[in-house]
């Protein structure tokens, strides 16, 4: 009879970076506006389902503050439809790590992290079993540059904004990917899912 020690168990979380983006590659325009990317119900349901399958979400300060200002109580609005109410519940329940040097505290199933994002994410990937996401382009930039993202999900809106906050940061070298899914949503919005080629 043999047994495997617990310490020999190895996890490797799959890290996904996904966002609604303009056709010219921005997640927000030069004024920080992203109203052009507001999802319809079908696309919102897609993101709801994506979040439901995610075991850990990584946030930068700005996006966390934006999300936490609305989603914790969004389902209490009498005008909130079932998709909004569902996302509010999913978001509250989602374990979150918030990277910030200035926030004093975080709520809604979140913990504060002040360490180097690349080192922290490398450790979290080794400790996590399942799908993880990095939310926000500023936080994602060094993580993408370090090669820690396993999958990119671009939901491309048929709008060019001409400048602003880019989905991809400046890269040290090319990133080779393989297309694993494409899907069209109403209004000409297209989902493109790419996995990193690591071989």
N, C-alpha and C. Protein backbone atom coordinates (compact mmCIF):
# COMPACT_ATOMS: atom_id res chain seq x y z
N UNK A 1 0.84 -1.19 0.00
CA UNK A 1 0.00 0.00 0.00
C UNK A 1 0.88 1.25 0.00
N UNK A 2 0.58 2.15 -0.90
CA UNK A 2 1.38 3.37 -0.96
C UNK A 2 0.45 4.58 -0.92
N UNK A 3 0.98 5.67 -0.53
CA UNK A 3 0.20 6.90 -0.50
C UNK A 3 1.06 8.02 -1.06
N UNK A 4 0.39 9.02 -1.60
CA UNK A 4 1.09 10.17 -2.15
C UNK A 4 1.02 11.31 -1.15
N UNK A 5 2.17 11.83 -0.72
CA UNK A 5 2.13 12.94 0.24
C UNK A 5 1.44 14.15 -0.36
N UNK A 6 0.75 14.90 0.48
CA UNK A 6 0.02 16.08 0.03
C UNK A 6 0.96 17.10 -0.62
N UNK A 7 2.19 17.15 -0.15
CA UNK A 7 3.09 18.17 -0.67
C UNK A 7 3.46 17.92 -2.13
N UNK A 8 3.19 16.71 -2.65
CA UNK A 8 3.53 16.42 -4.04
C UNK A 8 2.45 16.90 -5.00
N UNK A 9 1.29 17.32 -4.45
CA UNK A 9 0.23 17.85 -5.31
C UNK A 9 0.70 19.16 -5.93
N UNK A 10 0.55 19.30 -7.24
CA UNK A 10 0.92 20.55 -7.87
C UNK A 10 -0.27 21.11 -8.61
N UNK A 11 -0.50 22.39 -8.44
CA UNK A 11 -1.55 23.11 -9.14
C UNK A 11 -0.91 24.03 -10.15
N UNK A 12 -1.66 24.39 -11.14
CA UNK A 12 -1.23 25.45 -12.03
C UNK A 12 -2.48 26.12 -12.57
N UNK A 13 -2.80 27.24 -11.96
CA UNK A 13 -3.97 27.97 -12.41
C UNK A 13 -3.78 28.47 -13.83
N UNK A 14 -4.86 28.50 -14.58
CA UNK A 14 -4.85 29.05 -15.93
C UNK A 14 -5.24 30.52 -15.85
N UNK A 15 -4.34 31.40 -16.25
CA UNK A 15 -4.57 32.84 -16.12
C UNK A 15 -5.10 33.41 -17.44
N UNK A 16 -6.26 34.05 -17.38
CA UNK A 16 -6.92 34.60 -18.55
C UNK A 16 -6.99 36.12 -18.42
N UNK A 17 -6.67 36.79 -19.51
CA UNK A 17 -6.82 38.25 -19.59
C UNK A 17 -7.82 38.53 -20.70
N UNK A 18 -8.98 39.08 -20.33
CA UNK A 18 -10.03 39.33 -21.30
C UNK A 18 -10.69 40.67 -21.07
N UNK A 19 -11.14 41.30 -22.16
CA UNK A 19 -11.78 42.60 -22.05
C UNK A 19 -12.57 42.89 -23.31
N UNK A 20 -13.54 43.80 -23.19
CA UNK A 20 -14.16 44.38 -24.37
C UNK A 20 -13.17 45.41 -24.92
N UNK A 21 -12.88 45.32 -26.22
CA UNK A 21 -11.89 46.22 -26.82
C UNK A 21 -12.46 46.83 -28.10
N UNK A 22 -11.93 48.02 -28.44
CA UNK A 22 -12.28 48.63 -29.71
C UNK A 22 -11.56 47.88 -30.84
N UNK A 23 -12.01 48.12 -32.05
CA UNK A 23 -11.39 47.42 -33.18
C UNK A 23 -9.94 47.85 -33.36
N UNK A 24 -9.56 49.02 -32.82
CA UNK A 24 -8.16 49.44 -32.89
C UNK A 24 -7.40 49.16 -31.60
N UNK A 25 -7.97 48.32 -30.74
CA UNK A 25 -7.19 47.74 -29.64
C UNK A 25 -7.20 48.45 -28.31
N UNK A 26 -8.22 49.29 -28.06
CA UNK A 26 -8.28 50.03 -26.79
C UNK A 26 -9.44 49.52 -25.93
N UNK A 27 -9.26 49.57 -24.61
CA UNK A 27 -10.35 49.22 -23.70
C UNK A 27 -11.08 50.46 -23.19
N UNK A 28 -10.45 51.63 -23.34
CA UNK A 28 -11.08 52.92 -23.01
C UNK A 28 -10.45 53.96 -23.91
N UNK A 29 -11.22 55.03 -24.22
CA UNK A 29 -10.67 56.06 -25.10
C UNK A 29 -9.79 57.02 -24.30
N UNK A 30 -9.33 58.08 -24.95
CA UNK A 30 -8.36 58.99 -24.33
C UNK A 30 -8.93 59.72 -23.12
N UNK A 31 -10.27 59.81 -23.02
CA UNK A 31 -10.92 60.44 -21.86
C UNK A 31 -11.33 59.42 -20.81
N UNK A 32 -10.96 58.16 -21.01
CA UNK A 32 -11.32 57.10 -20.08
C UNK A 32 -12.72 56.55 -20.29
N UNK A 33 -13.37 56.94 -21.37
CA UNK A 33 -14.74 56.51 -21.65
C UNK A 33 -14.75 55.14 -22.32
N UNK A 34 -15.65 54.27 -21.86
CA UNK A 34 -15.81 52.97 -22.52
C UNK A 34 -17.29 52.64 -22.76
N UNK A 35 -18.13 53.68 -22.86
CA UNK A 35 -19.55 53.46 -23.11
C UNK A 35 -19.80 52.72 -24.42
N UNK A 36 -18.91 52.90 -25.38
CA UNK A 36 -19.04 52.24 -26.68
C UNK A 36 -18.97 50.71 -26.56
N UNK A 37 -18.49 50.20 -25.43
CA UNK A 37 -18.35 48.76 -25.27
C UNK A 37 -19.42 48.15 -24.37
N UNK A 38 -20.45 48.93 -24.02
CA UNK A 38 -21.48 48.42 -23.12
C UNK A 38 -22.13 47.18 -23.73
N UNK A 39 -22.16 46.05 -22.99
CA UNK A 39 -22.65 44.80 -23.57
C UNK A 39 -24.17 44.73 -23.62
N UNK A 40 -24.69 44.04 -24.65
CA UNK A 40 -26.11 43.71 -24.66
C UNK A 40 -26.32 42.49 -23.76
N UNK A 41 -27.54 41.99 -23.68
CA UNK A 41 -27.83 40.91 -22.73
C UNK A 41 -27.06 39.63 -23.05
N UNK A 42 -26.95 39.30 -24.33
CA UNK A 42 -26.25 38.07 -24.70
C UNK A 42 -24.78 38.12 -24.31
N UNK A 43 -24.13 39.25 -24.58
CA UNK A 43 -22.72 39.40 -24.22
C UNK A 43 -22.55 39.48 -22.71
N UNK A 44 -23.46 40.19 -22.04
CA UNK A 44 -23.39 40.26 -20.58
C UNK A 44 -23.50 38.86 -19.98
N UNK A 45 -24.38 38.04 -20.54
CA UNK A 45 -24.53 36.67 -20.05
C UNK A 45 -23.25 35.88 -20.26
N UNK A 46 -22.58 36.12 -21.38
CA UNK A 46 -21.29 35.46 -21.62
C UNK A 46 -20.30 35.80 -20.51
N UNK A 47 -20.19 37.09 -20.17
CA UNK A 47 -19.25 37.48 -19.12
C UNK A 47 -19.71 36.96 -17.75
N UNK A 48 -21.02 36.92 -17.51
CA UNK A 48 -21.51 36.32 -16.26
C UNK A 48 -21.02 34.90 -16.13
N UNK A 49 -21.18 34.12 -17.20
CA UNK A 49 -20.79 32.71 -17.18
C UNK A 49 -19.29 32.57 -17.03
N UNK A 50 -18.54 33.45 -17.66
CA UNK A 50 -17.09 33.43 -17.51
C UNK A 50 -16.69 33.67 -16.06
N UNK A 51 -17.28 34.67 -15.44
CA UNK A 51 -16.94 34.97 -14.05
C UNK A 51 -17.35 33.83 -13.11
N UNK A 52 -18.46 33.18 -13.43
CA UNK A 52 -18.93 32.07 -12.59
C UNK A 52 -17.93 30.92 -12.58
N UNK A 53 -17.21 30.75 -13.68
CA UNK A 53 -16.22 29.66 -13.79
C UNK A 53 -14.86 30.05 -13.24
N UNK A 54 -14.70 31.31 -12.85
CA UNK A 54 -13.40 31.82 -12.39
C UNK A 54 -13.28 31.64 -10.88
N UNK A 55 -12.14 31.11 -10.45
CA UNK A 55 -11.95 30.83 -9.02
C UNK A 55 -11.22 31.96 -8.30
N UNK A 56 -10.55 32.85 -9.06
CA UNK A 56 -9.83 33.95 -8.44
C UNK A 56 -9.68 35.08 -9.45
N UNK A 57 -9.99 36.30 -9.02
CA UNK A 57 -9.89 37.47 -9.89
C UNK A 57 -8.87 38.44 -9.32
N UNK A 58 -8.01 38.97 -10.18
CA UNK A 58 -6.95 39.88 -9.78
C UNK A 58 -7.27 41.28 -10.28
N UNK A 59 -7.31 42.24 -9.38
CA UNK A 59 -7.71 43.61 -9.71
C UNK A 59 -6.62 44.61 -9.36
N UNK A 60 -6.51 45.64 -10.20
CA UNK A 60 -5.79 46.84 -9.82
C UNK A 60 -6.73 47.77 -9.06
N UNK A 61 -6.17 48.81 -8.48
CA UNK A 61 -6.97 49.70 -7.63
C UNK A 61 -8.11 50.36 -8.39
N UNK A 62 -7.81 50.95 -9.55
CA UNK A 62 -8.83 51.74 -10.25
C UNK A 62 -10.04 50.90 -10.66
N UNK A 63 -9.78 49.74 -11.24
CA UNK A 63 -10.91 48.92 -11.67
C UNK A 63 -11.67 48.36 -10.47
N UNK A 64 -10.93 48.01 -9.40
CA UNK A 64 -11.62 47.53 -8.20
C UNK A 64 -12.55 48.61 -7.64
N UNK A 65 -12.06 49.85 -7.58
CA UNK A 65 -12.90 50.94 -7.06
C UNK A 65 -14.12 51.16 -7.95
N UNK A 66 -13.93 51.06 -9.26
CA UNK A 66 -15.05 51.22 -10.19
C UNK A 66 -16.09 50.12 -9.98
N UNK A 67 -15.62 48.88 -9.89
CA UNK A 67 -16.54 47.74 -9.74
C UNK A 67 -17.21 47.75 -8.36
N UNK A 68 -16.44 48.04 -7.33
CA UNK A 68 -16.99 47.98 -5.97
C UNK A 68 -17.94 49.13 -5.67
N UNK A 69 -17.91 50.17 -6.50
CA UNK A 69 -18.84 51.28 -6.31
C UNK A 69 -20.24 50.95 -6.83
N UNK A 70 -20.36 49.90 -7.63
CA UNK A 70 -21.66 49.60 -8.24
C UNK A 70 -22.17 48.19 -7.96
N UNK A 71 -21.31 47.18 -8.18
CA UNK A 71 -21.82 45.81 -8.20
C UNK A 71 -22.26 45.23 -6.86
N UNK A 72 -21.70 45.62 -5.73
CA UNK A 72 -22.17 45.01 -4.47
C UNK A 72 -23.66 45.20 -4.21
N UNK A 73 -24.25 46.29 -4.69
CA UNK A 73 -25.67 46.55 -4.43
C UNK A 73 -26.49 46.67 -5.71
N UNK A 74 -25.92 46.31 -6.85
CA UNK A 74 -26.62 46.49 -8.12
C UNK A 74 -27.94 45.72 -8.18
N UNK A 75 -27.99 44.57 -7.51
CA UNK A 75 -29.20 43.75 -7.57
C UNK A 75 -30.30 44.28 -6.65
N UNK A 76 -30.01 45.32 -5.87
CA UNK A 76 -31.05 45.93 -5.03
C UNK A 76 -31.85 47.00 -5.77
N UNK A 77 -31.37 47.37 -6.94
CA UNK A 77 -32.09 48.33 -7.77
C UNK A 77 -33.35 47.65 -8.32
N UNK A 78 -34.53 48.20 -8.08
CA UNK A 78 -35.76 47.56 -8.55
C UNK A 78 -35.82 47.43 -10.08
N UNK A 79 -35.02 48.23 -10.79
CA UNK A 79 -34.99 48.15 -12.25
C UNK A 79 -33.96 47.16 -12.77
N UNK A 80 -33.19 46.56 -11.87
CA UNK A 80 -32.15 45.62 -12.30
C UNK A 80 -32.79 44.35 -12.85
N UNK A 81 -32.38 43.98 -14.04
CA UNK A 81 -32.87 42.74 -14.63
C UNK A 81 -32.14 41.54 -14.07
N UNK A 82 -32.56 40.33 -14.47
CA UNK A 82 -31.95 39.11 -13.92
C UNK A 82 -30.46 38.96 -14.25
N UNK A 83 -30.02 39.46 -15.39
CA UNK A 83 -28.60 39.32 -15.75
C UNK A 83 -27.75 40.22 -14.86
N UNK A 84 -28.22 41.43 -14.61
CA UNK A 84 -27.50 42.34 -13.70
C UNK A 84 -27.48 41.76 -12.29
N UNK A 85 -28.62 41.27 -11.82
CA UNK A 85 -28.69 40.69 -10.47
C UNK A 85 -27.77 39.48 -10.34
N UNK A 86 -27.72 38.68 -11.38
CA UNK A 86 -26.86 37.50 -11.37
C UNK A 86 -25.39 37.90 -11.28
N UNK A 87 -24.98 38.89 -12.09
CA UNK A 87 -23.58 39.30 -12.07
C UNK A 87 -23.21 39.90 -10.71
N UNK A 88 -24.13 40.65 -10.11
CA UNK A 88 -23.86 41.23 -8.79
C UNK A 88 -23.56 40.14 -7.77
N UNK A 89 -24.34 39.06 -7.80
CA UNK A 89 -24.12 37.96 -6.87
C UNK A 89 -22.79 37.25 -7.14
N UNK A 90 -22.53 37.00 -8.42
CA UNK A 90 -21.28 36.35 -8.80
C UNK A 90 -20.09 37.21 -8.37
N UNK A 91 -20.18 38.52 -8.60
CA UNK A 91 -19.06 39.41 -8.27
C UNK A 91 -18.82 39.46 -6.76
N UNK A 92 -19.87 39.54 -5.99
CA UNK A 92 -19.71 39.57 -4.52
C UNK A 92 -19.03 38.29 -4.02
N UNK A 93 -19.42 37.15 -4.59
CA UNK A 93 -18.91 35.86 -4.11
C UNK A 93 -17.50 35.56 -4.60
N UNK A 94 -17.08 36.21 -5.69
CA UNK A 94 -15.79 35.91 -6.30
C UNK A 94 -14.62 36.26 -5.37
N UNK A 95 -13.72 35.32 -5.06
CA UNK A 95 -12.50 35.68 -4.34
C UNK A 95 -11.66 36.62 -5.20
N UNK A 96 -11.21 37.71 -4.60
CA UNK A 96 -10.49 38.73 -5.34
C UNK A 96 -9.21 39.12 -4.60
N UNK A 97 -8.15 39.36 -5.39
CA UNK A 97 -6.91 39.94 -4.87
C UNK A 97 -6.77 41.31 -5.50
N UNK A 98 -6.65 42.34 -4.66
CA UNK A 98 -6.58 43.72 -5.15
C UNK A 98 -5.16 44.24 -4.90
N UNK A 99 -4.48 44.63 -5.98
CA UNK A 99 -3.12 45.16 -5.90
C UNK A 99 -3.19 46.68 -5.74
N UNK A 100 -2.67 47.18 -4.63
CA UNK A 100 -2.68 48.63 -4.39
C UNK A 100 -1.67 49.00 -3.32
N UNK A 101 -1.01 50.12 -3.54
CA UNK A 101 -0.12 50.68 -2.52
C UNK A 101 -0.82 51.74 -1.68
N UNK A 102 -2.02 52.14 -2.08
CA UNK A 102 -2.68 53.27 -1.42
C UNK A 102 -3.96 52.91 -0.68
N UNK A 103 -4.67 51.89 -1.11
CA UNK A 103 -5.89 51.50 -0.40
C UNK A 103 -5.56 51.01 1.00
N UNK A 104 -6.41 51.37 1.95
CA UNK A 104 -6.22 50.93 3.33
C UNK A 104 -6.90 49.59 3.58
N UNK A 105 -8.00 49.34 2.88
CA UNK A 105 -8.73 48.09 3.08
C UNK A 105 -9.59 47.82 1.85
N UNK A 106 -10.01 46.57 1.72
CA UNK A 106 -10.91 46.16 0.64
C UNK A 106 -11.99 45.25 1.23
N UNK A 107 -13.11 45.19 0.54
CA UNK A 107 -14.25 44.40 1.02
C UNK A 107 -14.69 43.42 -0.07
N UNK A 108 -15.86 42.83 0.17
CA UNK A 108 -16.51 41.97 -0.83
C UNK A 108 -15.64 40.79 -1.25
N UNK A 109 -15.23 40.01 -0.25
CA UNK A 109 -14.47 38.78 -0.50
C UNK A 109 -13.14 39.08 -1.19
N UNK A 110 -12.52 40.20 -0.81
CA UNK A 110 -11.26 40.62 -1.42
C UNK A 110 -10.16 40.66 -0.36
N UNK A 111 -8.94 40.52 -0.82
CA UNK A 111 -7.79 40.74 0.05
C UNK A 111 -6.82 41.68 -0.63
N UNK A 112 -6.13 42.48 0.16
CA UNK A 112 -5.22 43.50 -0.35
C UNK A 112 -3.84 42.90 -0.53
N UNK A 113 -3.19 43.26 -1.63
CA UNK A 113 -1.84 42.77 -1.92
C UNK A 113 -0.96 43.95 -2.31
N UNK A 114 0.18 44.10 -1.63
CA UNK A 114 1.08 45.21 -1.92
C UNK A 114 2.37 44.75 -2.59
N UNK A 115 2.52 43.47 -2.82
CA UNK A 115 3.74 42.94 -3.41
C UNK A 115 3.83 43.17 -4.91
N UNK A 116 4.96 42.79 -5.49
CA UNK A 116 5.19 42.91 -6.92
C UNK A 116 4.20 42.00 -7.67
N UNK A 117 3.40 42.55 -8.59
CA UNK A 117 2.37 41.73 -9.24
C UNK A 117 2.92 40.49 -9.94
N UNK A 118 4.06 40.61 -10.59
CA UNK A 118 4.61 39.45 -11.31
C UNK A 118 4.95 38.33 -10.35
N UNK A 119 5.62 38.66 -9.26
CA UNK A 119 6.00 37.62 -8.30
C UNK A 119 4.77 37.04 -7.60
N UNK A 120 3.83 37.90 -7.23
CA UNK A 120 2.62 37.43 -6.55
C UNK A 120 1.81 36.54 -7.48
N UNK A 121 1.65 36.94 -8.74
CA UNK A 121 0.86 36.14 -9.68
C UNK A 121 1.53 34.81 -9.97
N UNK A 122 2.84 34.81 -10.09
CA UNK A 122 3.55 33.54 -10.29
C UNK A 122 3.26 32.58 -9.14
N UNK A 123 3.26 33.10 -7.93
CA UNK A 123 2.97 32.27 -6.74
C UNK A 123 1.51 31.83 -6.73
N UNK A 124 0.60 32.75 -7.05
CA UNK A 124 -0.83 32.40 -7.05
C UNK A 124 -1.15 31.33 -8.09
N UNK A 125 -0.52 31.43 -9.25
CA UNK A 125 -0.76 30.41 -10.28
C UNK A 125 -0.33 29.02 -9.79
N UNK A 126 0.79 28.98 -9.05
CA UNK A 126 1.28 27.70 -8.54
C UNK A 126 0.40 27.13 -7.44
N UNK A 127 -0.35 28.00 -6.75
CA UNK A 127 -1.17 27.58 -5.61
C UNK A 127 -2.63 27.36 -5.98
N UNK A 128 -3.04 27.76 -7.18
CA UNK A 128 -4.46 27.80 -7.52
C UNK A 128 -4.80 26.71 -8.53
N UNK A 129 -5.88 26.02 -8.28
CA UNK A 129 -6.38 25.00 -9.19
C UNK A 129 -7.62 25.56 -9.88
N UNK A 130 -7.51 25.89 -11.16
CA UNK A 130 -8.67 26.40 -11.87
C UNK A 130 -8.39 27.67 -12.64
N UNK A 131 -9.45 28.28 -13.11
CA UNK A 131 -9.39 29.46 -13.97
C UNK A 131 -9.25 30.73 -13.16
N UNK A 132 -8.22 31.51 -13.47
CA UNK A 132 -7.99 32.80 -12.84
C UNK A 132 -8.13 33.88 -13.91
N UNK A 133 -8.41 35.12 -13.47
CA UNK A 133 -8.45 36.22 -14.43
C UNK A 133 -7.68 37.40 -13.89
N UNK A 134 -7.05 38.15 -14.79
CA UNK A 134 -6.47 39.43 -14.44
C UNK A 134 -7.36 40.49 -15.06
N UNK A 135 -7.85 41.41 -14.24
CA UNK A 135 -8.84 42.39 -14.66
C UNK A 135 -8.21 43.78 -14.65
N UNK A 136 -8.12 44.39 -15.81
CA UNK A 136 -7.58 45.74 -15.91
C UNK A 136 -6.26 45.78 -16.64
N UNK A 137 -6.12 46.71 -17.59
CA UNK A 137 -4.95 46.76 -18.46
C UNK A 137 -3.68 47.18 -17.72
N UNK A 138 -3.79 48.08 -16.74
CA UNK A 138 -2.60 48.55 -16.04
C UNK A 138 -1.98 47.43 -15.22
N UNK A 139 -2.80 46.70 -14.48
CA UNK A 139 -2.29 45.55 -13.73
C UNK A 139 -1.80 44.46 -14.67
N UNK A 140 -2.51 44.25 -15.76
CA UNK A 140 -2.15 43.16 -16.67
C UNK A 140 -0.82 43.40 -17.36
N UNK A 141 -0.44 44.66 -17.59
CA UNK A 141 0.74 44.96 -18.41
C UNK A 141 2.00 44.20 -17.99
N UNK A 142 2.48 44.32 -16.74
CA UNK A 142 3.70 43.58 -16.39
C UNK A 142 3.50 42.07 -16.38
N UNK A 143 2.27 41.63 -16.13
CA UNK A 143 1.97 40.20 -16.09
C UNK A 143 2.00 39.62 -17.50
N UNK A 144 1.47 40.36 -18.47
CA UNK A 144 1.56 39.96 -19.88
C UNK A 144 3.01 39.97 -20.33
N UNK A 145 3.74 41.04 -19.99
CA UNK A 145 5.14 41.15 -20.40
C UNK A 145 6.00 40.02 -19.83
N UNK A 146 5.63 39.50 -18.65
CA UNK A 146 6.37 38.41 -18.02
C UNK A 146 5.98 37.03 -18.57
N UNK A 147 4.99 37.00 -19.48
CA UNK A 147 4.59 35.73 -20.08
C UNK A 147 3.74 34.85 -19.19
N UNK A 148 3.04 35.45 -18.22
CA UNK A 148 2.26 34.66 -17.27
C UNK A 148 0.81 34.45 -17.69
N UNK A 149 0.36 35.15 -18.73
CA UNK A 149 -1.02 34.96 -19.20
C UNK A 149 -1.07 33.74 -20.11
N UNK A 150 -2.03 32.87 -19.86
CA UNK A 150 -2.19 31.65 -20.66
C UNK A 150 -3.20 31.81 -21.80
N UNK A 151 -4.16 32.73 -21.62
CA UNK A 151 -5.20 32.89 -22.63
C UNK A 151 -5.65 34.35 -22.68
N UNK A 152 -5.89 34.83 -23.89
CA UNK A 152 -6.39 36.18 -24.12
C UNK A 152 -7.79 36.08 -24.70
N UNK A 153 -8.72 36.86 -24.16
CA UNK A 153 -10.08 36.92 -24.70
C UNK A 153 -10.38 38.38 -25.06
N UNK A 154 -10.44 38.63 -26.35
CA UNK A 154 -10.75 39.96 -26.86
C UNK A 154 -12.17 39.95 -27.40
N UNK A 155 -13.02 40.79 -26.83
CA UNK A 155 -14.38 40.95 -27.34
C UNK A 155 -14.37 42.27 -28.11
N UNK A 156 -14.29 42.16 -29.42
CA UNK A 156 -14.00 43.31 -30.28
C UNK A 156 -15.29 43.98 -30.72
N UNK A 157 -15.43 45.26 -30.32
CA UNK A 157 -16.58 46.07 -30.72
C UNK A 157 -16.27 46.76 -32.04
N UNK A 158 -17.27 46.93 -32.92
CA UNK A 158 -17.02 47.57 -34.22
C UNK A 158 -16.94 49.10 -34.10
N UNK A 159 -16.01 49.54 -33.24
CA UNK A 159 -15.79 50.96 -33.00
C UNK A 159 -14.30 51.21 -32.92
N UNK A 160 -13.80 52.24 -33.61
CA UNK A 160 -12.41 52.68 -33.48
C UNK A 160 -12.42 53.97 -32.65
N UNK A 161 -11.60 54.01 -31.60
CA UNK A 161 -11.63 55.18 -30.71
C UNK A 161 -10.42 56.09 -30.88
N UNK A 162 -9.39 55.61 -31.58
CA UNK A 162 -8.29 56.49 -31.96
C UNK A 162 -7.21 56.72 -30.92
N UNK A 163 -7.37 56.22 -29.73
CA UNK A 163 -6.36 56.41 -28.69
C UNK A 163 -6.96 56.16 -27.32
N UNK A 164 -6.09 55.99 -26.32
CA UNK A 164 -6.57 55.75 -24.97
C UNK A 164 -5.76 54.67 -24.28
N UNK A 165 -6.43 53.81 -23.55
CA UNK A 165 -5.79 52.73 -22.79
C UNK A 165 -5.80 51.46 -23.62
N UNK A 166 -4.64 51.00 -24.00
CA UNK A 166 -4.53 49.83 -24.87
C UNK A 166 -4.75 48.52 -24.10
N UNK A 167 -5.31 47.54 -24.80
CA UNK A 167 -5.45 46.20 -24.23
C UNK A 167 -4.07 45.58 -24.01
N UNK A 168 -3.22 45.61 -25.03
CA UNK A 168 -1.87 45.05 -24.92
C UNK A 168 -0.87 46.13 -24.55
N UNK A 169 0.05 45.82 -23.64
CA UNK A 169 1.14 46.76 -23.35
C UNK A 169 2.21 46.65 -24.44
N UNK A 170 3.22 47.51 -24.35
CA UNK A 170 4.42 47.34 -25.17
C UNK A 170 5.06 46.01 -24.78
N UNK A 171 5.42 45.22 -25.77
CA UNK A 171 5.92 43.87 -25.51
C UNK A 171 7.42 43.77 -25.77
N UNK A 172 8.12 42.96 -24.97
CA UNK A 172 9.55 42.78 -25.19
C UNK A 172 9.85 41.98 -26.45
N UNK A 173 8.89 41.17 -26.90
CA UNK A 173 9.05 40.37 -28.12
C UNK A 173 7.68 39.90 -28.56
N UNK A 174 7.60 39.29 -29.73
CA UNK A 174 6.33 38.79 -30.22
C UNK A 174 5.74 37.76 -29.27
N UNK A 175 4.42 37.70 -29.24
CA UNK A 175 3.70 36.63 -28.54
C UNK A 175 3.01 35.78 -29.60
N UNK A 176 3.34 34.51 -29.63
CA UNK A 176 2.70 33.59 -30.58
C UNK A 176 1.50 32.93 -29.90
N UNK A 177 0.37 32.90 -30.61
CA UNK A 177 -0.87 32.37 -30.04
C UNK A 177 -1.55 31.46 -31.05
N UNK A 178 -2.50 30.67 -30.54
CA UNK A 178 -3.37 29.89 -31.43
C UNK A 178 -4.82 30.24 -31.12
N UNK A 179 -5.61 30.41 -32.16
CA UNK A 179 -7.03 30.71 -32.00
C UNK A 179 -7.76 29.46 -31.56
N UNK A 180 -8.51 29.55 -30.44
CA UNK A 180 -9.25 28.39 -29.94
C UNK A 180 -10.76 28.57 -30.03
N UNK A 181 -11.21 29.81 -30.21
CA UNK A 181 -12.65 30.04 -30.35
C UNK A 181 -12.89 31.40 -30.98
N UNK A 182 -13.89 31.48 -31.84
CA UNK A 182 -14.41 32.78 -32.26
C UNK A 182 -15.93 32.69 -32.27
N UNK A 183 -16.55 33.79 -31.93
CA UNK A 183 -18.01 33.81 -31.79
C UNK A 183 -18.51 35.21 -32.08
N UNK A 184 -19.63 35.30 -32.78
CA UNK A 184 -20.20 36.60 -33.11
C UNK A 184 -21.41 36.87 -32.24
N UNK A 185 -21.47 38.09 -31.71
CA UNK A 185 -22.59 38.54 -30.91
C UNK A 185 -23.37 39.59 -31.71
N UNK A 186 -24.58 39.92 -31.27
CA UNK A 186 -25.36 40.95 -31.98
C UNK A 186 -24.60 42.27 -32.10
N UNK A 187 -24.87 43.00 -33.18
CA UNK A 187 -24.25 44.30 -33.37
C UNK A 187 -22.85 44.23 -33.95
N UNK A 188 -22.43 43.06 -34.43
CA UNK A 188 -21.11 42.94 -35.03
C UNK A 188 -19.97 42.78 -34.06
N UNK A 189 -20.27 42.46 -32.80
CA UNK A 189 -19.23 42.22 -31.80
C UNK A 189 -18.70 40.80 -31.96
N UNK A 190 -17.37 40.64 -31.89
CA UNK A 190 -16.75 39.34 -32.13
C UNK A 190 -15.85 38.97 -30.96
N UNK A 191 -16.04 37.77 -30.42
CA UNK A 191 -15.15 37.21 -29.41
C UNK A 191 -14.02 36.47 -30.11
N UNK A 192 -12.79 36.76 -29.71
CA UNK A 192 -11.61 36.04 -30.18
C UNK A 192 -10.87 35.50 -28.96
N UNK A 193 -10.76 34.19 -28.88
CA UNK A 193 -10.03 33.54 -27.77
C UNK A 193 -8.73 32.95 -28.31
N UNK A 194 -7.64 33.36 -27.70
CA UNK A 194 -6.33 32.88 -28.12
C UNK A 194 -5.60 32.26 -26.93
N UNK A 195 -5.01 31.10 -27.15
CA UNK A 195 -4.12 30.49 -26.16
C UNK A 195 -2.67 30.81 -26.53
N UNK A 196 -1.86 30.95 -25.50
CA UNK A 196 -0.42 31.13 -25.73
C UNK A 196 0.16 29.85 -26.32
N UNK A 197 1.04 29.99 -27.29
CA UNK A 197 1.83 28.85 -27.78
C UNK A 197 3.09 28.76 -26.91
N UNK A 198 3.22 27.67 -26.22
CA UNK A 198 4.37 27.53 -25.32
C UNK A 198 5.33 26.44 -25.78
N UNK A 199 5.09 25.90 -26.99
CA UNK A 199 5.98 24.86 -27.50
C UNK A 199 6.81 25.34 -28.67
